[in-house]
Protein backbone atom coordinates (compact mmCIF):
# COMPACT_ATOMS: atom_id res chain seq x y z
CA MET A 1 -34.00 -58.26 9.84
CA ARG A 2 -33.11 -56.65 6.50
CA LEU A 3 -29.51 -55.52 6.20
CA ILE A 4 -28.61 -52.20 4.57
CA PRO A 5 -26.16 -52.67 1.64
CA ARG A 6 -22.62 -51.73 2.63
CA THR A 7 -21.80 -49.50 -0.35
CA PRO A 8 -24.72 -47.07 0.05
CA LEU A 9 -24.03 -46.95 3.80
CA VAL A 10 -20.40 -45.98 3.21
CA ALA A 11 -21.48 -43.35 0.71
CA LEU A 12 -23.99 -41.94 3.17
CA VAL A 13 -21.37 -41.73 5.91
CA ALA A 14 -18.97 -40.02 3.52
CA VAL A 15 -21.60 -37.44 2.56
CA LEU A 16 -22.34 -36.75 6.21
CA VAL A 17 -18.66 -36.38 7.02
CA LEU A 18 -18.13 -33.99 4.11
CA SER A 19 -21.20 -31.97 5.01
CA LEU A 20 -19.97 -31.63 8.57
CA ALA A 21 -16.38 -30.90 7.60
CA SER A 22 -17.13 -28.32 4.92
CA PRO A 23 -18.15 -25.47 7.28
CA ALA A 24 -15.07 -26.10 9.42
CA SER A 25 -12.85 -26.12 6.34
CA ALA A 26 -14.45 -22.93 5.08
CA THR A 27 -13.97 -21.30 8.48
CA THR A 28 -10.32 -22.38 8.57
CA ALA A 29 -9.75 -21.04 5.05
CA THR A 30 -11.36 -17.74 6.01
CA LYS A 31 -9.17 -17.43 9.10
CA GLU A 32 -6.06 -18.25 7.07
CA ARG A 33 -7.00 -15.61 4.51
CA GLN A 34 -7.60 -13.07 7.26
CA ARG A 35 -4.22 -13.84 8.85
CA ARG A 36 -2.53 -13.55 5.48
CA ASP A 37 -4.22 -10.23 4.73
CA ALA A 38 -3.30 -8.95 8.21
CA ALA A 39 0.34 -9.97 7.68
CA ARG A 40 0.42 -8.21 4.32
CA ALA A 41 -1.15 -5.11 5.80
CA ARG A 42 1.44 -5.16 8.58
CA LYS A 43 4.27 -5.38 6.05
CA ALA A 44 2.82 -2.46 4.13
CA GLN A 45 2.47 -0.48 7.36
CA ILE A 46 6.11 -1.13 8.26
CA ALA A 47 7.17 -0.28 4.71
CA GLY A 48 5.29 3.00 4.89
CA LYS A 49 7.19 4.01 8.03
CA ILE A 50 10.66 3.03 6.83
CA ASP A 51 13.37 5.66 6.89
CA ALA A 52 14.70 5.56 3.34
CA LEU A 53 18.05 7.04 4.33
CA ARG A 54 18.74 4.61 7.18
CA ALA A 55 17.24 1.54 5.52
CA SER A 56 19.53 -1.01 3.94
CA ASP A 57 19.36 -1.77 0.24
CA ASP A 58 17.52 -5.03 0.95
CA ASP A 59 15.13 -3.32 3.36
CA LEU A 60 14.39 -0.61 0.82
CA ASN A 61 13.81 -3.17 -1.93
CA ARG A 62 11.49 -5.20 0.28
CA ALA A 63 9.63 -2.03 1.29
CA VAL A 64 9.07 -1.07 -2.35
CA GLN A 65 7.82 -4.60 -3.13
CA ALA A 66 5.50 -4.52 -0.10
CA MET A 67 4.06 -1.17 -1.20
CA ASP A 68 3.66 -2.50 -4.75
CA SER A 69 1.53 -5.33 -3.38
CA GLN A 70 -0.36 -2.93 -1.14
CA VAL A 71 -1.16 -0.63 -4.05
CA LEU A 72 -2.49 -3.57 -6.06
CA ARG A 73 -4.68 -4.69 -3.15
CA GLU A 74 -5.96 -1.17 -2.51
CA GLN A 75 -6.66 -0.74 -6.23
CA ALA A 76 -8.71 -3.94 -6.23
CA ARG A 77 -10.62 -2.78 -3.13
CA SER A 78 -11.20 0.62 -4.69
CA ASP A 79 -12.48 -0.94 -7.92
CA ALA A 80 -14.83 -3.22 -5.97
CA ALA A 81 -16.11 -0.29 -3.91
CA HIS A 82 -16.66 1.75 -7.07
CA GLN A 83 -18.62 -1.08 -8.69
CA ALA A 84 -20.71 -1.48 -5.53
CA LEU A 85 -21.37 2.25 -5.53
CA GLU A 86 -22.47 2.16 -9.16
CA ALA A 87 -24.87 -0.71 -8.39
CA ALA A 88 -26.26 1.13 -5.36
CA THR A 89 -26.64 4.32 -7.38
CA THR A 90 -28.53 2.40 -10.07
CA GLN A 91 -30.82 0.96 -7.40
CA GLU A 92 -31.33 4.41 -5.92
CA THR A 93 -32.19 5.87 -9.33
CA ALA A 94 -34.67 3.08 -10.05
CA ALA A 95 -36.26 3.44 -6.59
CA ASN A 96 -36.61 7.20 -7.05
CA ALA A 97 -38.16 6.68 -10.48
CA ARG A 98 -40.71 4.23 -9.05
CA LEU A 99 -41.41 6.65 -6.21
CA GLN A 100 -42.01 9.53 -8.60
CA ASP A 101 -44.28 7.37 -10.74
CA THR A 102 -46.30 6.30 -7.69
CA GLN A 103 -46.50 9.89 -6.47
CA SER A 104 -47.85 10.93 -9.87
CA LYS A 105 -50.46 8.17 -9.73
CA VAL A 106 -51.51 9.22 -6.23
CA SER A 107 -51.84 12.82 -7.34
CA ALA A 108 -53.90 11.84 -10.40
CA MET A 109 -56.19 9.60 -8.39
CA ARG A 110 -56.66 12.25 -5.73
CA LEU A 111 -57.73 14.68 -8.44
CA GLN A 112 -60.12 12.07 -9.81
CA VAL A 113 -61.72 11.51 -6.39
CA MET A 114 -61.96 15.26 -5.80
CA ASP A 115 -63.60 15.74 -9.20
CA ARG A 116 -66.16 13.07 -8.37
CA ALA A 117 -66.86 14.69 -5.03
CA VAL A 118 -67.31 18.12 -6.60
CA GLU A 119 -69.56 16.70 -9.27
CA SER A 120 -71.72 15.03 -6.67
CA TYR A 121 -71.87 18.24 -4.66
CA ILE A 122 -72.81 20.48 -7.62
CA HIS A 123 -75.31 18.05 -9.15
CA PRO A 124 -76.90 16.16 -6.33
CA SER A 125 -79.37 13.52 -7.52
CA GLU A 126 -82.49 13.02 -5.48
CA ALA A 127 -83.12 10.03 -7.61
CA ARG A 128 -80.22 8.34 -5.88
CA ALA A 129 -82.06 8.52 -2.60
CA ASN A 130 -85.48 7.51 -3.93
CA PRO A 131 -85.73 7.17 -7.68
CA VAL A 132 -89.22 5.65 -7.37
CA ILE A 133 -90.81 8.98 -6.33
CA THR A 134 -90.20 10.81 -9.65
CA ILE A 135 -90.38 7.96 -12.07
CA ASP A 136 -93.56 6.22 -13.08
CA ASP A 137 -91.93 3.52 -15.17
CA LEU A 138 -90.72 0.74 -12.90
CA GLY A 139 -88.36 -0.43 -15.65
CA GLU A 140 -86.71 2.98 -15.69
CA VAL A 141 -86.44 2.80 -11.92
CA SER A 142 -84.65 -0.50 -12.22
CA ARG A 143 -82.23 0.78 -14.85
CA ARG A 144 -81.47 3.90 -12.79
CA ALA A 145 -80.90 1.85 -9.67
CA ALA A 146 -78.48 -0.35 -11.54
CA LEU A 147 -76.73 2.75 -12.89
CA MET A 148 -76.43 4.24 -9.41
CA ASP A 149 -74.98 1.00 -8.08
CA GLU A 150 -72.40 1.03 -10.88
CA VAL A 151 -71.47 4.66 -10.10
CA ALA A 152 -71.14 3.85 -6.41
CA ALA A 153 -69.03 0.80 -7.23
CA ARG A 154 -66.75 2.90 -9.41
CA ASP A 155 -66.32 5.42 -6.61
CA ARG A 156 -65.45 2.66 -4.18
CA ASP A 157 -63.02 1.16 -6.70
CA THR A 158 -61.38 4.54 -7.19
CA LEU A 159 -61.02 4.99 -3.43
CA ASP A 160 -59.66 1.44 -3.07
CA LYS A 161 -57.12 2.10 -5.82
CA LEU A 162 -56.14 5.35 -4.15
CA ASN A 163 -55.62 3.62 -0.82
CA ALA A 164 -53.62 0.83 -2.46
CA THR A 165 -51.53 3.33 -4.35
CA LYS A 166 -50.89 5.20 -1.11
CA ALA A 167 -49.62 1.94 0.40
CA ASP A 168 -47.38 1.47 -2.66
CA LEU A 169 -46.18 5.03 -2.16
CA SER A 170 -45.19 4.28 1.44
CA ASN A 171 -43.31 1.14 0.37
CA ASP A 172 -41.59 2.99 -2.46
CA GLN A 173 -40.59 5.77 -0.06
CA GLN A 174 -39.03 3.21 2.31
CA THR A 175 -37.29 1.45 -0.58
CA ALA A 176 -35.91 4.75 -1.88
CA ALA A 177 -34.73 5.71 1.62
CA ARG A 178 -32.92 2.37 2.01
CA ALA A 179 -31.39 2.78 -1.45
CA ARG A 180 -30.17 6.26 -0.53
CA GLN A 181 -28.65 4.97 2.73
CA LEU A 182 -26.94 2.11 0.91
CA ALA A 183 -25.59 4.44 -1.78
CA GLU A 184 -24.31 6.87 0.86
CA ALA A 185 -22.61 4.07 2.82
CA ARG A 186 -20.94 2.76 -0.32
CA ARG A 187 -20.01 6.30 -1.33
CA GLN A 188 -18.22 6.68 2.01
CA LEU A 189 -16.55 3.29 1.52
CA GLU A 190 -15.33 4.34 -1.91
CA ASP A 191 -13.98 7.60 -0.49
CA GLN A 192 -12.16 5.66 2.21
CA THR A 193 -10.66 3.12 -0.19
CA LEU A 194 -9.63 5.90 -2.57
CA SER A 195 -7.94 7.69 0.31
CA GLU A 196 -6.08 4.53 1.30
CA LEU A 197 -5.12 3.94 -2.33
CA ARG A 198 -3.73 7.46 -2.64
CA ARG A 199 -1.77 7.02 0.59
CA ALA A 200 -0.35 3.68 -0.59
CA ARG A 201 0.60 5.19 -3.95
CA SER A 202 2.23 8.15 -2.21
CA GLU A 203 4.30 5.86 0.02
CA LYS A 204 5.23 3.71 -2.96
CA GLU A 205 6.34 6.77 -4.93
CA ARG A 206 8.38 8.00 -1.95
CA LEU A 207 10.14 4.67 -1.50
CA GLN A 208 10.51 4.13 -5.23
CA GLY A 209 12.06 7.58 -5.55
CA ALA A 210 14.45 6.87 -2.68
CA LEU A 211 15.43 3.56 -4.25
CA GLN A 212 15.96 5.12 -7.67
CA ALA A 213 18.03 7.91 -6.12
CA ARG A 214 20.17 5.35 -4.33
CA ILE A 215 20.61 3.31 -7.48
CA GLN A 216 21.60 6.42 -9.42
CA ASP A 217 23.94 7.46 -6.61
CA TYR A 218 25.73 4.11 -6.57
CA GLN A 219 25.95 3.93 -10.33
CA GLU A 220 27.36 7.46 -10.60
CA GLU A 221 29.75 6.86 -7.72
CA ALA A 222 30.86 3.53 -9.15
CA ASP A 223 31.33 5.05 -12.60
CA ALA A 224 33.34 7.96 -11.21
CA VAL A 225 35.45 5.74 -8.98
CA GLY A 226 35.82 3.13 -11.68
CA ALA A 227 37.23 5.77 -14.02
CA GLU A 228 39.97 6.54 -11.52
CA GLU A 229 40.23 3.11 -9.89
CA ALA A 230 43.59 2.46 -11.50
CA SER A 231 45.03 5.77 -10.36
CA LEU A 232 43.53 5.28 -6.86
CA SER A 233 45.05 1.82 -6.55
CA ASN A 234 48.39 3.11 -7.81
CA LEU A 235 48.23 6.03 -5.36
CA ILE A 236 47.67 3.67 -2.44
CA ARG A 237 50.38 1.23 -3.57
CA SER A 238 52.89 4.01 -4.05
CA LYS A 239 52.36 5.54 -0.61
CA GLU A 240 51.55 2.62 1.66
CA THR A 241 54.11 0.78 3.73
CA PRO A 242 55.26 -2.38 1.93
CA PRO A 243 54.11 -5.59 3.61
CA PRO A 244 56.70 -7.59 5.50
CA ALA A 245 55.47 -10.69 3.73
CA SER A 246 54.47 -11.07 0.13
CA ARG A 247 51.54 -8.92 -0.91
CA ASP A 248 49.81 -11.93 -2.48
CA SER A 249 49.66 -13.86 0.78
CA ILE A 250 47.89 -10.97 2.54
CA ALA A 251 45.45 -10.52 -0.30
CA SER A 252 44.68 -14.22 -0.23
CA ALA A 253 44.01 -14.15 3.49
CA ALA A 254 41.67 -11.19 3.05
CA SER A 255 39.73 -12.75 0.21
CA ASN A 256 39.25 -15.93 2.23
CA GLY A 257 37.87 -13.92 5.16
CA ARG A 258 40.57 -15.08 7.58
CA VAL A 259 41.52 -11.61 8.78
CA SER A 260 38.91 -11.01 11.45
CA ALA A 261 41.81 -10.57 13.87
CA ALA A 262 43.07 -7.59 11.89
CA GLY A 263 42.37 -5.41 14.90
CA LEU A 264 39.96 -2.92 13.34
CA ILE A 265 37.18 -1.04 15.13
CA TRP A 266 34.09 0.47 13.60
CA PRO A 267 34.85 4.01 12.40
CA VAL A 268 31.33 5.21 13.29
CA SER A 269 28.29 3.68 14.92
CA GLY A 270 25.22 3.10 12.78
CA PRO A 271 23.35 0.60 10.61
CA VAL A 272 24.93 -0.62 7.39
CA THR A 273 22.66 0.54 4.60
CA SER A 274 24.61 -1.01 1.74
CA GLY A 275 27.06 -3.84 1.81
CA PHE A 276 30.10 -4.69 -0.24
CA GLY A 277 29.58 -6.20 -3.66
CA TYR A 278 27.74 -5.63 -6.90
CA ARG A 279 24.70 -3.38 -6.69
CA TRP A 280 22.51 -2.68 -9.70
CA GLY A 281 25.19 -3.56 -12.22
CA ARG A 282 28.06 -1.80 -10.43
CA LEU A 283 30.63 -2.81 -7.84
CA HIS A 284 30.10 -1.16 -4.48
CA ALA A 285 33.68 -1.19 -3.22
CA GLY A 286 32.87 -0.71 0.48
CA ILE A 287 30.03 -0.47 2.97
CA ASP A 288 27.80 2.50 3.74
CA ILE A 289 27.21 3.23 7.42
CA SER A 290 24.30 5.55 8.19
CA CYS A 291 25.14 8.50 10.43
CA GLY A 292 24.33 12.19 10.63
CA ILE A 293 26.37 14.97 9.08
CA GLY A 294 29.20 15.98 11.37
CA THR A 295 29.48 12.63 13.15
CA PRO A 296 33.13 12.12 14.25
CA VAL A 297 34.89 9.49 12.14
CA HIS A 298 37.48 7.42 14.01
CA ALA A 299 40.52 5.69 12.54
CA ALA A 300 39.68 2.00 12.35
CA LYS A 301 43.30 1.20 13.15
CA ALA A 302 46.52 3.07 13.83
CA GLY A 303 48.39 4.19 10.74
CA THR A 304 49.52 7.01 8.49
CA VAL A 305 47.24 9.28 6.48
CA ILE A 306 48.37 8.91 2.86
CA PHE A 307 45.60 10.97 1.26
CA SER A 308 43.36 13.77 2.49
CA GLY A 309 41.39 15.65 -0.15
CA GLN A 310 38.69 15.34 -2.79
CA MET A 311 37.99 12.54 -5.27
CA SER A 312 35.35 12.32 -7.97
CA GLY A 313 32.32 10.42 -6.72
CA TYR A 314 33.72 10.05 -3.22
CA GLY A 315 33.64 13.73 -2.32
CA ASN A 316 35.98 14.45 0.60
CA VAL A 317 38.17 11.43 1.28
CA GLU A 318 40.81 10.27 3.73
CA ILE A 319 42.93 7.16 3.26
CA VAL A 320 44.93 5.64 6.10
CA ASP A 321 47.78 3.17 5.54
CA HIS A 322 48.04 0.60 8.31
CA GLY A 323 51.13 -1.12 6.99
CA GLY A 324 51.57 -4.50 5.43
CA GLY A 325 49.73 -3.50 2.27
CA PHE A 326 46.52 -2.85 4.20
CA SER A 327 44.65 0.50 4.12
CA THR A 328 41.25 1.95 4.90
CA LEU A 329 39.31 4.62 3.00
CA TYR A 330 36.69 7.04 4.43
CA ALA A 331 34.50 8.94 1.95
CA HIS A 332 31.64 11.50 1.64
CA LEU A 333 33.14 13.43 4.54
CA SER A 334 31.78 16.85 5.44
CA ARG A 335 35.12 17.96 6.88
CA LEU A 336 38.67 16.62 6.82
CA GLY A 337 40.38 16.37 10.20
CA THR A 338 43.96 15.45 9.31
CA SER A 339 46.50 16.11 6.60
CA GLU A 340 48.63 13.82 4.52
CA GLY A 341 51.54 12.31 6.44
CA THR A 342 49.82 12.53 9.84
CA GLN A 343 50.32 9.60 12.19
CA VAL A 344 46.98 8.59 13.76
CA GLY A 345 46.13 6.20 16.54
CA GLN A 346 43.27 3.73 16.57
CA GLY A 347 40.04 5.49 17.52
CA GLN A 348 41.42 8.96 16.85
CA VAL A 349 39.01 11.36 15.16
CA ILE A 350 40.32 11.88 11.64
CA ALA A 351 37.29 13.49 9.93
CA TYR A 352 33.54 14.12 10.11
CA SER A 353 30.87 12.30 8.15
CA GLY A 354 28.85 14.11 5.53
CA ASN A 355 27.09 13.99 2.21
CA THR A 356 29.68 15.12 -0.32
CA GLY A 357 30.23 13.59 -3.73
CA HIS A 358 27.60 11.27 -5.23
CA SER A 359 25.51 10.63 -2.14
CA THR A 360 21.76 10.47 -1.54
CA GLY A 361 22.03 11.13 2.19
CA PRO A 362 24.41 11.50 5.12
CA HIS A 363 26.53 8.40 5.64
CA LEU A 364 30.11 7.18 5.80
CA HIS A 365 31.43 5.14 2.91
CA PHE A 366 34.09 2.83 4.38
CA GLU A 367 36.50 0.67 2.41
CA THR A 368 39.25 -1.77 3.26
CA ARG A 369 41.90 -2.35 0.62
CA VAL A 370 44.70 -4.90 0.35
CA GLY A 371 47.41 -4.02 -2.10
CA GLY A 372 45.21 -1.18 -3.30
CA ASN A 373 42.37 -3.55 -4.21
CA PRO A 374 38.99 -3.29 -2.42
CA GLN A 375 37.97 -6.11 -0.09
CA ASP A 376 34.84 -6.72 1.95
CA PRO A 377 35.20 -4.66 5.17
CA THR A 378 33.01 -7.12 7.12
CA ASN A 379 35.89 -9.58 6.95
CA TYR A 380 37.98 -7.14 9.01
CA LEU A 381 35.54 -5.52 11.40
CA PRO A 382 34.64 -7.02 14.77
């Protein structure tokens, strides 16, 4: 028995394995691509429904990025649909041209056949039926017979060509009809993709505008507050109750985040749309809590109102001193509820949220300050 060499056998097995595995790999890749596209479409759908006023800075940024990607994908789909439409239109034009050419040939050949029929009717030739009767010369009879056969053959050829051209006409008509259907389908696809592209661009512009407005709002607010930060800090330091311990020790505890037992409550209920820290090149000295205009604002802790009035950038503001060098600030208020020097208890309504000052929408700007310096409110809130 002759043995098959090992190396070719291994190669054959490898080829078979690859040939069997390739379709599965292709199917898996297709499914992965479909899942990825579905996930991206879902992100874009969520981004399109986002409430720009209640969304956080990060949510808004992610939504804008998602819509950017969606616009790029829709643009690519629209370009592909447009190219397909152009190709289908070219095919339709070529099919119509062939159809018109074939129709012209059919018309010309029909006229030719009709002319032959009329000619035969007007000038009937008895010689065709029996040329031997009127002709004495047998040679002439032979030539005429040959001529008549040639004429008959030409007539048959003309009819055959007409019938063949009619068949071509039917095929060309079907081809043109299919080309028209394809062009119409691709025209509808292009209209659909263009509509989706316009919608994606509209959502992107809406979110981009909201983001730009928020950036401008924060920058203007930060610039206005920064210009009077020194006077604001001095105002708070001059009116707040001195701490029983050294001011530095309290500030250190706050900066290390070890003041979660400070006893504060949330002044309003709502999602935080912007946190404490640097935003777009400016320091955001507090947190923004989304809430409607006129929402009651509660004192986060018992204390004394040391300021109730207007400040550049902040709009209507109230500042409450809680003693020990610790104070809270409430800004963008629609209405002030207390006056300077008023003693307030924790949870007492001291004002109403609004949209005054540099603000892109109704919310409460809430700050916590130690020694007049802003600290992250999340270190103090429950």
